Amino acid sequence: MKTILELETGEKFEGINFGFNSSTTGELVFQTGITGYPETITDPSYAGQLIVFTTPLINNYGFPKDIINNYNINEAIESDKPSCKAIIVQEFTENSSHYNAQKSFKEWLVKNEIIAIL
């Protein structure tokens, strides 16, 4: 689905939404890590923000399966729910491959109401 990212300055960037179908506002921030997009999206320090991933490809290793410890905490991600409002990526692949990947990242984004712009 076609979507628009509009900045305070009035600049507009057209993209494709591959996540939750909605609109939002928030602070635009960037993340430069080469790996760790599931951890970043679930990191509470990104609460209410729109994260731009500088890594060229997102979802190449999928979304990790839950690893629940003795304290009922999922060790695969930073928190049980995402904190950011949206992610912006340069490239997204549907074909992830990793022994630990269990969930569809795209389905997880929709379920957790995260807008995802390509």
PDB file of N, CA and C in Angstrom:
ATOM      1  N   MET A   1       0.830  -1.167   0.000  1.00  0.00           N
ATOM      2  CA  MET A   1       0.000   0.000   0.000  1.00  0.00           C
ATOM      3  C   MET A   1       0.888   1.249   0.000  1.00  0.00           C
ATOM      4  N   LYS A   2       0.584   2.186  -0.867  1.00  0.00           N
ATOM      5  CA  LYS A   2       1.329   3.435  -0.972  1.00  0.00           C
ATOM      6  C   LYS A   2       1.155   4.242   0.319  1.00  0.00           C
ATOM      7  N   THR A   3       2.251   4.845   0.783  1.00  0.00           N
ATOM      8  CA  THR A   3       2.199   5.656   1.995  1.00  0.00           C
ATOM      9  C   THR A   3       3.138   6.847   1.852  1.00  0.00           C
ATOM     10  N   ILE A   4       2.917   7.870   2.656  1.00  0.00           N
ATOM     11  CA  ILE A   4       3.715   9.093   2.605  1.00  0.00           C
ATOM     12  C   ILE A   4       4.322   9.355   3.979  1.00  0.00           C
ATOM     13  N   LEU A   5       5.620   9.647   4.001  1.00  0.00           N
ATOM     14  CA  LEU A   5       6.292  10.127   5.201  1.00  0.00           C
ATOM     15  C   LEU A   5       6.455  11.630   5.015  1.00  0.00           C
ATOM     16  N   GLU A   6       5.798  12.408   5.871  1.00  0.00           N
ATOM     17  CA  GLU A   6       5.865  13.866   5.760  1.00  0.00           C
ATOM     18  C   GLU A   6       6.579  14.434   6.979  1.00  0.00           C
ATOM     19  N   LEU A   7       7.599  15.254   6.722  1.00  0.00           N
ATOM     20  CA  LEU A   7       8.361  15.878   7.793  1.00  0.00           C
ATOM     21  C   LEU A   7       7.738  17.210   8.192  1.00  0.00           C
ATOM     22  N   GLU A   8       8.158  17.749   9.336  1.00  0.00           N
ATOM     23  CA  GLU A   8       7.677  19.057   9.792  1.00  0.00           C
ATOM     24  C   GLU A   8       7.922  20.149   8.764  1.00  0.00           C
ATOM     25  N   THR A   9       8.980  20.006   7.998  1.00  0.00           N
ATOM     26  CA  THR A   9       9.358  21.007   6.998  1.00  0.00           C
ATOM     27  C   THR A   9       8.439  20.996   5.785  1.00  0.00           C
ATOM     28  N   GLY A  10       7.589  19.983   5.701  1.00  0.00           N
ATOM     29  CA  GLY A  10       6.698  19.849   4.556  1.00  0.00           C
ATOM     30  C   GLY A  10       7.232  18.909   3.493  1.00  0.00           C
ATOM     31  N   GLU A  11       8.491  18.483   3.634  1.00  0.00           N
ATOM     32  CA  GLU A  11       9.056  17.518   2.679  1.00  0.00           C
ATOM     33  C   GLU A  11       8.280  16.208   2.782  1.00  0.00           C
ATOM     34  N   LYS A  12       8.023  15.600   1.621  1.00  0.00           N
ATOM     35  CA  LYS A  12       7.274  14.347   1.578  1.00  0.00           C
ATOM     36  C   LYS A  12       8.086  13.278   0.859  1.00  0.00           C
ATOM     37  N   PHE A  13       8.030  12.073   1.413  1.00  0.00           N
ATOM     38  CA  PHE A  13       8.716  10.926   0.833  1.00  0.00           C
ATOM     39  C   PHE A  13       7.692   9.815   0.641  1.00  0.00           C
ATOM     40  N   GLU A  14       7.589   9.329  -0.573  1.00  0.00           N
ATOM     41  CA  GLU A  14       6.626   8.277  -0.885  1.00  0.00           C
ATOM     42  C   GLU A  14       7.262   6.910  -0.668  1.00  0.00           C
ATOM     43  N   GLY A  15       6.488   6.000  -0.106  1.00  0.00           N
ATOM     44  CA  GLY A  15       6.965   4.650   0.115  1.00  0.00           C
ATOM     45  C   GLY A  15       5.823   3.657   0.070  1.00  0.00           C
ATOM     46  N   ILE A  16       6.125   2.438   0.471  1.00  0.00           N
ATOM     47  CA  ILE A  16       5.133   1.363   0.520  1.00  0.00           C
ATOM     48  C   ILE A  16       5.045   0.880   1.961  1.00  0.00           C
ATOM     49  N   ASN A  17       3.832   0.801   2.487  1.00  0.00           N
ATOM     50  CA  ASN A  17       3.626   0.301   3.839  1.00  0.00           C
ATOM     51  C   ASN A  17       3.475  -1.218   3.779  1.00  0.00           C
ATOM     52  N   PHE A  18       4.368  -1.932   4.457  1.00  0.00           N
ATOM     53  CA  PHE A  18       4.260  -3.391   4.516  1.00  0.00           C
ATOM     54  C   PHE A  18       3.917  -3.868   5.928  1.00  0.00           C
ATOM     55  N   GLY A  19       3.556  -2.927   6.797  1.00  0.00           N
ATOM     56  CA  GLY A  19       3.184  -3.272   8.165  1.00  0.00           C
ATOM     57  C   GLY A  19       1.726  -2.959   8.429  1.00  0.00           C
ATOM     58  N   PHE A  20       1.455  -2.437   9.620  1.00  0.00           N
ATOM     59  CA  PHE A  20       0.097  -2.097  10.040  1.00  0.00           C
ATOM     60  C   PHE A  20      -0.395  -0.896   9.241  1.00  0.00           C
ATOM     61  N   ASN A  21      -1.628  -0.967   8.765  1.00  0.00           N
ATOM     62  CA  ASN A  21      -2.197   0.091   7.938  1.00  0.00           C
ATOM     63  C   ASN A  21      -2.831   1.161   8.820  1.00  0.00           C
ATOM     64  N   SER A  22      -2.106   2.263   9.028  1.00  0.00           N
ATOM     65  CA  SER A  22      -2.588   3.348   9.867  1.00  0.00           C
ATOM     66  C   SER A  22      -1.744   4.583   9.581  1.00  0.00           C
ATOM     67  N   SER A  23      -1.976   5.634  10.327  1.00  0.00           N
ATOM     68  CA  SER A  23      -1.122   6.816  10.249  1.00  0.00           C
ATOM     69  C   SER A  23      -0.688   7.172  11.663  1.00  0.00           C
ATOM     70  N   THR A  24       0.410   7.917  11.773  1.00  0.00           N
ATOM     71  CA  THR A  24       0.937   8.259  13.086  1.00  0.00           C
ATOM     72  C   THR A  24       1.806   9.501  12.985  1.00  0.00           C
ATOM     73  N   THR A  25       2.190  10.022  14.115  1.00  0.00           N
ATOM     74  CA  THR A  25       3.155  11.112  14.198  1.00  0.00           C
ATOM     75  C   THR A  25       4.180  10.733  15.249  1.00  0.00           C
ATOM     76  N   GLY A  26       5.343  11.347  15.180  1.00  0.00           N
ATOM     77  CA  GLY A  26       6.359  11.060  16.180  1.00  0.00           C
ATOM     78  C   GLY A  26       7.710  11.592  15.776  1.00  0.00           C
ATOM     79  N   GLU A  27       8.656  11.434  16.661  1.00  0.00           N
ATOM     80  CA  GLU A  27      10.027  11.861  16.420  1.00  0.00           C
ATOM     81  C   GLU A  27      10.719  10.839  15.522  1.00  0.00           C
ATOM     82  N   LEU A  28      11.388  11.329  14.495  1.00  0.00           N
ATOM     83  CA  LEU A  28      12.122  10.472  13.565  1.00  0.00           C
ATOM     84  C   LEU A  28      13.547  10.303  14.090  1.00  0.00           C
ATOM     85  N   VAL A  29      13.950   9.054  14.333  1.00  0.00           N
ATOM     86  CA  VAL A  29      15.294   8.742  14.831  1.00  0.00           C
ATOM     87  C   VAL A  29      15.912   7.682  13.927  1.00  0.00           C
ATOM     88  N   PHE A  30      17.209   7.473  14.051  1.00  0.00           N
ATOM     89  CA  PHE A  30      17.846   6.450  13.220  1.00  0.00           C
ATOM     90  C   PHE A  30      18.595   5.453  14.083  1.00  0.00           C
ATOM     91  N   GLN A  31      18.797   4.279  13.515  1.00  0.00           N
ATOM     92  CA  GLN A  31      19.506   3.186  14.180  1.00  0.00           C
ATOM     93  C   GLN A  31      20.525   2.648  13.193  1.00  0.00           C
ATOM     94  N   THR A  32      21.794   2.600  13.608  1.00  0.00           N
ATOM     95  CA  THR A  32      22.874   2.236  12.688  1.00  0.00           C
ATOM     96  C   THR A  32      23.396   0.813  12.864  1.00  0.00           C
ATOM     97  N   GLY A  33      22.819   0.039  13.758  1.00  0.00           N
ATOM     98  CA  GLY A  33      23.297  -1.322  13.973  1.00  0.00           C
ATOM     99  C   GLY A  33      23.098  -2.202  12.748  1.00  0.00           C
ATOM    100  N   ILE A  34      24.034  -3.111  12.533  1.00  0.00           N
ATOM    101  CA  ILE A  34      23.950  -4.005  11.378  1.00  0.00           C
ATOM    102  C   ILE A  34      22.942  -5.124  11.633  1.00  0.00           C
ATOM    103  N   THR A  35      22.835  -5.539  12.880  1.00  0.00           N
ATOM    104  CA  THR A  35      21.851  -6.555  13.268  1.00  0.00           C
ATOM    105  C   THR A  35      21.059  -6.021  14.459  1.00  0.00           C
ATOM    106  N   GLY A  36      20.060  -6.748  14.862  1.00  0.00           N
ATOM    107  CA  GLY A  36      19.327  -6.398  16.071  1.00  0.00           C
ATOM    108  C   GLY A  36      18.041  -5.636  15.861  1.00  0.00           C
ATOM    109  N   TYR A  37      17.453  -5.734  14.659  1.00  0.00           N
ATOM    110  CA  TYR A  37      16.194  -5.000  14.453  1.00  0.00           C
ATOM    111  C   TYR A  37      15.070  -5.481  15.370  1.00  0.00           C
ATOM    112  N   PRO A  38      14.940  -6.786  15.703  1.00  0.00           N
ATOM    113  CA  PRO A  38      13.879  -7.176  16.643  1.00  0.00           C
ATOM    114  C   PRO A  38      14.095  -6.555  18.032  1.00  0.00           C
ATOM    115  N   GLU A  39      15.360  -6.510  18.455  1.00  0.00           N
ATOM    116  CA  GLU A  39      15.676  -5.929  19.751  1.00  0.00           C
ATOM    117  C   GLU A  39      15.415  -4.425  19.755  1.00  0.00           C
ATOM    118  N   THR A  40      15.764  -3.754  18.665  1.00  0.00           N
ATOM    119  CA  THR A  40      15.555  -2.309  18.566  1.00  0.00           C
ATOM    120  C   THR A  40      14.076  -1.968  18.628  1.00  0.00           C
ATOM    121  N   ILE A  41      13.270  -2.674  17.868  1.00  0.00           N
ATOM    122  CA  ILE A  41      11.838  -2.381  17.807  1.00  0.00           C
ATOM    123  C   ILE A  41      11.160  -2.603  19.159  1.00  0.00           C
ATOM    124  N   THR A  42      11.679  -3.527  19.959  1.00  0.00           N
ATOM    125  CA  THR A  42      11.080  -3.815  21.263  1.00  0.00           C
ATOM    126  C   THR A  42      11.800  -3.112  22.410  1.00  0.00           C
ATOM    127  N   ASP A  43      12.746  -2.241  22.105  1.00  0.00           N
ATOM    128  CA  ASP A  43      13.493  -1.492  23.120  1.00  0.00           C
ATOM    129  C   ASP A  43      12.646  -0.309  23.605  1.00  0.00           C
ATOM    130  N   PRO A  44      12.317  -0.252  24.899  1.00  0.00           N
ATOM    131  CA  PRO A  44      11.479   0.836  25.422  1.00  0.00           C
ATOM    132  C   PRO A  44      12.066   2.238  25.226  1.00  0.00           C
ATOM    133  N   SER A  45      13.364   2.352  25.006  1.00  0.00           N
ATOM    134  CA  SER A  45      13.956   3.681  24.806  1.00  0.00           C
ATOM    135  C   SER A  45      13.493   4.325  23.497  1.00  0.00           C
ATOM    136  N   TYR A  46      12.902   3.538  22.596  1.00  0.00           N
ATOM    137  CA  TYR A  46      12.379   4.064  21.330  1.00  0.00           C
ATOM    138  C   TYR A  46      10.871   4.339  21.403  1.00  0.00           C
ATOM    139  N   ALA A  47      10.326   4.446  22.592  1.00  0.00           N
ATOM    140  CA  ALA A  47       8.880   4.638  22.765  1.00  0.00           C
ATOM    141  C   ALA A  47       8.381   5.865  22.007  1.00  0.00           C
ATOM    142  N   GLY A  48       7.350   5.648  21.198  1.00  0.00           N
ATOM    143  CA  GLY A  48       6.707   6.733  20.472  1.00  0.00           C
ATOM    144  C   GLY A  48       7.470   7.272  19.281  1.00  0.00           C
ATOM    145  N   GLN A  49       8.577   6.648  18.923  1.00  0.00           N
ATOM    146  CA  GLN A  49       9.413   7.158  17.840  1.00  0.00           C
ATOM    147  C   GLN A  49       9.228   6.375  16.548  1.00  0.00           C
ATOM    148  N   LEU A  50       9.658   6.985  15.449  1.00  0.00           N
ATOM    149  CA  LEU A  50       9.685   6.359  14.130  1.00  0.00           C
ATOM    150  C   LEU A  50      11.151   6.064  13.840  1.00  0.00           C
ATOM    151  N   ILE A  51      11.503   4.801  13.715  1.00  0.00           N
ATOM    152  CA  ILE A  51      12.906   4.400  13.586  1.00  0.00           C
ATOM    153  C   ILE A  51      13.281   4.205  12.122  1.00  0.00           C
ATOM    154  N   VAL A  52      14.316   4.913  11.695  1.00  0.00           N
ATOM    155  CA  VAL A  52      14.889   4.711  10.363  1.00  0.00           C
ATOM    156  C   VAL A  52      16.081   3.777  10.535  1.00  0.00           C
ATOM    157  N   PHE A  53      16.027   2.612   9.895  1.00  0.00           N
ATOM    158  CA  PHE A  53      17.143   1.668   9.940  1.00  0.00           C
ATOM    159  C   PHE A  53      18.101   1.991   8.801  1.00  0.00           C
ATOM    160  N   THR A  54      19.375   2.223   9.135  1.00  0.00           N
ATOM    161  CA  THR A  54      20.362   2.532   8.098  1.00  0.00           C
ATOM    162  C   THR A  54      20.912   1.268   7.449  1.00  0.00           C
ATOM    163  N   THR A  55      20.693   0.116   8.069  1.00  0.00           N
ATOM    164  CA  THR A  55      21.094  -1.154   7.467  1.00  0.00           C
ATOM    165  C   THR A  55      20.305  -1.356   6.178  1.00  0.00           C
ATOM    166  N   PRO A  56      20.976  -1.724   5.089  1.00  0.00           N
ATOM    167  CA  PRO A  56      20.276  -1.830   3.805  1.00  0.00           C
ATOM    168  C   PRO A  56      19.151  -2.860   3.763  1.00  0.00           C
ATOM    169  N   LEU A  57      19.277  -3.975   4.474  1.00  0.00           N
ATOM    170  CA  LEU A  57      18.301  -5.063   4.346  1.00  0.00           C
ATOM    171  C   LEU A  57      17.740  -5.452   5.708  1.00  0.00           C
ATOM    172  N   ILE A  58      16.426  -5.472   5.794  1.00  0.00           N
ATOM    173  CA  ILE A  58      15.746  -5.874   7.029  1.00  0.00           C
ATOM    174  C   ILE A  58      14.947  -7.152   6.756  1.00  0.00           C
ATOM    175  N   ASN A  59      14.952  -8.039   7.724  1.00  0.00           N
ATOM    176  CA  ASN A  59      14.250  -9.327   7.735  1.00  0.00           C
ATOM    177  C   ASN A  59      15.043 -10.440   7.067  1.00  0.00           C
ATOM    178  N   ASN A  60      16.330 -10.251   6.852  1.00  0.00           N
ATOM    179  CA  ASN A  60      17.115 -11.329   6.257  1.00  0.00           C
ATOM    180  C   ASN A  60      17.258 -12.517   7.206  1.00  0.00           C
ATOM    181  N   TYR A  61      17.157 -12.290   8.518  1.00  0.00           N
ATOM    182  CA  TYR A  61      17.212 -13.419   9.445  1.00  0.00           C
ATOM    183  C   TYR A  61      15.915 -13.609  10.232  1.00  0.00           C
ATOM    184  N   GLY A  62      14.841 -12.975   9.787  1.00  0.00           N
ATOM    185  CA  GLY A  62      13.522 -13.229  10.364  1.00  0.00           C
ATOM    186  C   GLY A  62      13.320 -12.641  11.746  1.00  0.00           C
ATOM    187  N   PHE A  63      12.306 -13.141  12.418  1.00  0.00           N
ATOM    188  CA  PHE A  63      11.994 -12.719  13.785  1.00  0.00           C
ATOM    189  C   PHE A  63      12.192 -13.923  14.686  1.00  0.00           C
ATOM    190  N   PRO A  64      12.933 -13.766  15.784  1.00  0.00           N
ATOM    191  CA  PRO A  64      13.318 -14.931  16.589  1.00  0.00           C
ATOM    192  C   PRO A  64      12.156 -15.592  17.320  1.00  0.00           C
ATOM    193  N   LYS A  65      12.330 -16.889  17.548  1.00  0.00           N
ATOM    194  CA  LYS A  65      11.353 -17.607  18.366  1.00  0.00           C
ATOM    195  C   LYS A  65      11.488 -17.137  19.812  1.00  0.00           C
ATOM    196  N   ASP A  66      10.431 -17.283  20.561  1.00  0.00           N
ATOM    197  CA  ASP A  66      10.436 -16.877  21.963  1.00  0.00           C
ATOM    198  C   ASP A  66      11.367 -17.779  22.765  1.00  0.00           C
ATOM    199  N   ILE A  67      12.171 -17.156  23.612  1.00  0.00           N
ATOM    200  CA  ILE A  67      13.039 -17.883  24.542  1.00  0.00           C
ATOM    201  C   ILE A  67      12.656 -17.392  25.938  1.00  0.00           C
ATOM    202  N   ILE A  68      11.779 -18.133  26.600  1.00  0.00           N
ATOM    203  CA  ILE A  68      11.245 -17.723  27.898  1.00  0.00           C
ATOM    204  C   ILE A  68      12.095 -18.338  29.011  1.00  0.00           C
ATOM    205  N   ASN A  69      12.618 -17.480  29.902  1.00  0.00           N
ATOM    206  CA  ASN A  69      13.449 -17.982  30.998  1.00  0.00           C
ATOM    207  C   ASN A  69      12.596 -18.320  32.229  1.00  0.00           C
ATOM    208  N   ASN A  70      13.250 -18.671  33.328  1.00  0.00           N
ATOM    209  CA  ASN A  70      12.552 -19.075  34.556  1.00  0.00           C
ATOM    210  C   ASN A  70      11.720 -17.955  35.173  1.00  0.00           C
ATOM    211  N   TYR A  71      11.989 -16.718  34.784  1.00  0.00           N
ATOM    212  CA  TYR A  71      11.255 -15.566  35.323  1.00  0.00           C
ATOM    213  C   TYR A  71      10.151 -15.104  34.370  1.00  0.00           C
ATOM    214  N   ASN A  72       9.849 -15.933  33.377  1.00  0.00           N
ATOM    215  CA  ASN A  72       8.818 -15.658  32.368  1.00  0.00           C
ATOM    216  C   ASN A  72       9.154 -14.429  31.517  1.00  0.00           C
ATOM    217  N   ILE A  73      10.436 -14.225  31.272  1.00  0.00           N
ATOM    218  CA  ILE A  73      10.904 -13.109  30.452  1.00  0.00           C
ATOM    219  C   ILE A  73      11.414 -13.663  29.127  1.00  0.00           C
ATOM    220  N   ASN A  74      11.000 -13.043  28.045  1.00  0.00           N
ATOM    221  CA  ASN A  74      11.449 -13.454  26.716  1.00  0.00           C
ATOM    222  C   ASN A  74      12.847 -12.885  26.469  1.00  0.00           C
ATOM    223  N   GLU A  75      13.844 -13.740  26.420  1.00  0.00           N
ATOM    224  CA  GLU A  75      15.227 -13.304  26.246  1.00  0.00           C
ATOM    225  C   GLU A  75      15.592 -13.018  24.790  1.00  0.00           C
ATOM    226  N   ALA A  76      14.697 -13.309  23.864  1.00  0.00           N
ATOM    227  CA  ALA A  76      14.987 -13.096  22.443  1.00  0.00           C
ATOM    228  C   ALA A  76      14.829 -11.635  22.035  1.00  0.00           C
ATOM    229  N   ILE A  77      14.040 -10.880  22.797  1.00  0.00           N
ATOM    230  CA  ILE A  77      13.786  -9.472  22.480  1.00  0.00           C
ATOM    231  C   ILE A  77      13.898  -8.642  23.763  1.00  0.00           C
ATOM    232  N   GLU A  78      13.818  -7.326  23.640  1.00  0.00           N
ATOM    233  CA  GLU A  78      14.016  -6.439  24.786  1.00  0.00           C
ATOM    234  C   GLU A  78      12.799  -6.329  25.700  1.00  0.00           C
ATOM    235  N   SER A  79      11.601  -6.417  25.141  1.00  0.00           N
ATOM    236  CA  SER A  79      10.376  -6.371  25.940  1.00  0.00           C
ATOM    237  C   SER A  79       9.278  -7.119  25.189  1.00  0.00           C
ATOM    238  N   ASP A  80       8.189  -7.392  25.869  1.00  0.00           N
ATOM    239  CA  ASP A  80       7.118  -8.192  25.267  1.00  0.00           C
ATOM    240  C   ASP A  80       6.413  -7.508  24.109  1.00  0.00           C
ATOM    241  N   LYS A  81       6.403  -6.190  24.113  1.00  0.00           N
ATOM    242  CA  LYS A  81       5.704  -5.442  23.061  1.00  0.00           C
ATOM    243  C   LYS A  81       6.631  -4.389  22.479  1.00  0.00           C
ATOM    244  N   PRO A  82       6.404  -4.038  21.239  1.00  0.00           N
ATOM    245  CA  PRO A  82       7.203  -2.970  20.638  1.00  0.00           C
ATOM    246  C   PRO A  82       6.863  -1.624  21.269  1.00  0.00           C
ATOM    247  N   SER A  83       7.826  -0.724  21.256  1.00  0.00           N
ATOM    248  CA  SER A  83       7.623   0.603  21.823  1.00  0.00           C
ATOM    249  C   SER A  83       7.545   1.680  20.754  1.00  0.00           C
ATOM    250  N   CYS A  84       8.162   1.441  19.615  1.00  0.00           N
ATOM    251  CA  CYS A  84       8.153   2.442  18.547  1.00  0.00           C
ATOM    252  C   CYS A  84       6.793   2.456  17.855  1.00  0.00           C
ATOM    253  N   LYS A  85       6.545   3.524  17.088  1.00  0.00           N
ATOM    254  CA  LYS A  85       5.291   3.635  16.344  1.00  0.00           C
ATOM    255  C   LYS A  85       5.433   3.133  14.914  1.00  0.00           C
ATOM    256  N   ALA A  86       6.641   3.275  14.358  1.00  0.00           N
ATOM    257  CA  ALA A  86       6.845   2.896  12.953  1.00  0.00           C
ATOM    258  C   ALA A  86       8.316   2.614  12.707  1.00  0.00           C
ATOM    259  N   ILE A  87       8.567   1.863  11.632  1.00  0.00           N
ATOM    260  CA  ILE A  87       9.937   1.668  11.158  1.00  0.00           C
ATOM    261  C   ILE A  87       9.994   2.084   9.691  1.00  0.00           C
ATOM    262  N   ILE A  88      11.160   2.575   9.291  1.00  0.00           N
ATOM    263  CA  ILE A  88      11.394   2.955   7.900  1.00  0.00           C
ATOM    264  C   ILE A  88      12.653   2.222   7.461  1.00  0.00           C
ATOM    265  N   VAL A  89      12.562   1.495   6.353  1.00  0.00           N
ATOM    266  CA  VAL A  89      13.683   0.682   5.890  1.00  0.00           C
ATOM    267  C   VAL A  89      13.967   0.952   4.417  1.00  0.00           C
ATOM    268  N   GLN A  90      15.190   0.630   4.012  1.00  0.00           N
ATOM    269  CA  GLN A  90      15.568   0.777   2.605  1.00  0.00           C
ATOM    270  C   GLN A  90      15.124  -0.424   1.785  1.00  0.00           C
ATOM    271  N   GLU A  91      15.258  -1.610   2.383  1.00  0.00           N
ATOM    272  CA  GLU A  91      14.909  -2.842   1.670  1.00  0.00           C
ATOM    273  C   GLU A  91      14.375  -3.861   2.664  1.00  0.00           C
ATOM    274  N   PHE A  92      13.316  -4.556   2.277  1.00  0.00           N
ATOM    275  CA  PHE A  92      12.697  -5.580   3.111  1.00  0.00           C
ATOM    276  C   PHE A  92      12.570  -6.848   2.286  1.00  0.00           C
ATOM    277  N   THR A  93      12.984  -7.969   2.849  1.00  0.00           N
ATOM    278  CA  THR A  93      12.837  -9.238   2.141  1.00  0.00           C
ATOM    279  C   THR A  93      11.786 -10.103   2.830  1.00  0.00           C
ATOM    280  N   GLU A  94      11.008 -10.785   2.030  1.00  0.00           N
ATOM    281  CA  GLU A  94      10.021 -11.742   2.553  1.00  0.00           C
ATOM    282  C   GLU A  94      10.695 -13.076   2.870  1.00  0.00           C
ATOM    283  N   ASN A  95      11.884 -13.291   2.318  1.00  0.00           N
ATOM    284  CA  ASN A  95      12.566 -14.587   2.411  1.00  0.00           C
ATOM    285  C   ASN A  95      13.662 -14.559   3.463  1.00  0.00           C
ATOM    286  N   SER A  96      13.277 -14.683   4.718  1.00  0.00           N
ATOM    287  CA  SER A  96      14.273 -14.714   5.785  1.00  0.00           C
ATOM    288  C   SER A  96      14.782 -16.137   5.970  1.00  0.00           C
ATOM    289  N   SER A  97      15.999 -16.230   6.506  1.00  0.00           N
ATOM    290  CA  SER A  97      16.588 -17.547   6.712  1.00  0.00           C
ATOM    291  C   SER A  97      17.507 -17.518   7.928  1.00  0.00           C
ATOM    292  N   HIS A  98      17.097 -18.220   8.975  1.00  0.00           N
ATOM    293  CA  HIS A  98      17.920 -18.355  10.175  1.00  0.00           C
ATOM    294  C   HIS A  98      17.347 -19.499  10.998  1.00  0.00           C
ATOM    295  N   TYR A  99      18.213 -20.274  11.634  1.00  0.00           N
ATOM    296  CA  TYR A  99      17.745 -21.420  12.405  1.00  0.00           C
ATOM    297  C   TYR A  99      16.835 -21.003  13.565  1.00  0.00           C
ATOM    298  N   ASN A 100      16.983 -19.776  14.044  1.00  0.00           N
ATOM    299  CA  ASN A 100      16.207 -19.305  15.186  1.00  0.00           C
ATOM    300  C   ASN A 100      14.932 -18.559  14.780  1.00  0.00           C
ATOM    301  N   ALA A 101      14.737 -18.336  13.488  1.00  0.00           N
ATOM    302  CA  ALA A 101      13.553 -17.603  13.024  1.00  0.00           C
ATOM    303  C   ALA A 101      12.322 -18.495  13.118  1.00  0.00           C
ATOM    304  N   GLN A 102      11.296 -17.975  13.734  1.00  0.00           N
ATOM    305  CA  GLN A 102      10.077 -18.760  13.894  1.00  0.00           C
ATOM    306  C   GLN A 102       8.848 -18.016  13.401  1.00  0.00           C
ATOM    307  N   LYS A 103       8.819 -16.717  13.609  1.00  0.00           N
ATOM    308  CA  LYS A 103       7.636 -15.928  13.295  1.00  0.00           C
ATOM    309  C   LYS A 103       7.823 -15.161  11.999  1.00  0.00           C
ATOM    310  N   SER A 104       6.725 -14.829  11.369  1.00  0.00           N
ATOM    311  CA  SER A 104       6.751 -13.929  10.223  1.00  0.00           C
ATOM    312  C   SER A 104       6.886 -12.513  10.763  1.00  0.00           C
ATOM    313  N   PHE A 105       7.962 -11.833  10.391  1.00  0.00           N
ATOM    314  CA  PHE A 105       8.201 -10.470  10.858  1.00  0.00           C
ATOM    315  C   PHE A 105       7.078  -9.539  10.408  1.00  0.00           C
ATOM    316  N   LYS A 106       6.654  -9.707   9.179  1.00  0.00           N
ATOM    317  CA  LYS A 106       5.575  -8.879   8.632  1.00  0.00           C
ATOM    318  C   LYS A 106       4.283  -9.077   9.436  1.00  0.00           C
ATOM    319  N   GLU A 107       3.918 -10.312   9.723  1.00  0.00           N
ATOM    320  CA  GLU A 107       2.720 -10.596  10.516  1.00  0.00           C
ATOM    321  C   GLU A 107       2.858 -10.049  11.934  1.00  0.00           C
ATOM    322  N   TRP A 108       4.067 -10.139  12.494  1.00  0.00           N
ATOM    323  CA  TRP A 108       4.325  -9.621  13.837  1.00  0.00           C
ATOM    324  C   TRP A 108       4.131  -8.110  13.868  1.00  0.00           C
ATOM    325  N   LEU A 109       4.597  -7.404  12.827  1.00  0.00           N
ATOM    326  CA  LEU A 109       4.416  -5.951  12.744  1.00  0.00           C
ATOM    327  C   LEU A 109       2.934  -5.589  12.725  1.00  0.00           C
ATOM    328  N   VAL A 110       2.157  -6.284  11.911  1.00  0.00           N
ATOM    329  CA  VAL A 110       0.719  -6.008  11.806  1.00  0.00           C
ATOM    330  C   VAL A 110       0.026  -6.305  13.137  1.00  0.00           C
ATOM    331  N   LYS A 111       0.324  -7.456  13.721  1.00  0.00           N
ATOM    332  CA  LYS A 111      -0.290  -7.845  14.999  1.00  0.00           C
ATOM    333  C   LYS A 111      -0.008  -6.814  16.088  1.00  0.00           C
ATOM    334  N   ASN A 112       1.191  -6.245  16.062  1.00  0.00           N
ATOM    335  CA  ASN A 112       1.596  -5.284  17.086  1.00  0.00           C
ATOM    336  C   ASN A 112       1.393  -3.826  16.668  1.00  0.00           C
ATOM    337  N   GLU A 113       0.674  -3.634  15.566  1.00  0.00           N
ATOM    338  CA  GLU A 113       0.278  -2.308  15.085  1.00  0.00           C
ATOM    339  C   GLU A 113       1.465  -1.372  14.840  1.00  0.00           C
ATOM    340  N   ILE A 114       2.478  -1.905  14.169  1.00  0.00           N
ATOM    341  CA  ILE A 114       3.650  -1.115  13.802  1.00  0.00           C
ATOM    342  C   ILE A 114       3.595  -0.825  12.308  1.00  0.00           C
ATOM    343  N   ILE A 115       3.600   0.445  11.964  1.00  0.00           N
ATOM    344  CA  ILE A 115       3.656   0.867  10.567  1.00  0.00           C
ATOM    345  C   ILE A 115       5.069   0.593  10.068  1.00  0.00           C
ATOM    346  N   ALA A 116       5.197   0.085   8.868  1.00  0.00           N
ATOM    347  CA  ALA A 116       6.514  -0.228   8.302  1.00  0.00           C
ATOM    348  C   ALA A 116       6.575   0.322   6.881  1.00  0.00           C
ATOM    349  N   ILE A 117       7.512   1.225   6.648  1.00  0.00           N
ATOM    350  CA  ILE A 117       7.611   1.902   5.356  1.00  0.00           C
ATOM    351  C   ILE A 117       8.874   1.468   4.633  1.00  0.00           C
ATOM    352  N   LEU A 118       8.692   1.130   3.387  1.00  0.00           N
ATOM    353  CA  LEU A 118       9.783   0.716   2.505  1.00  0.00           C
ATOM    354  C   LEU A 118       9.970   1.798   1.466  1.00  0.00           C
TER     355      LEU A 118
END
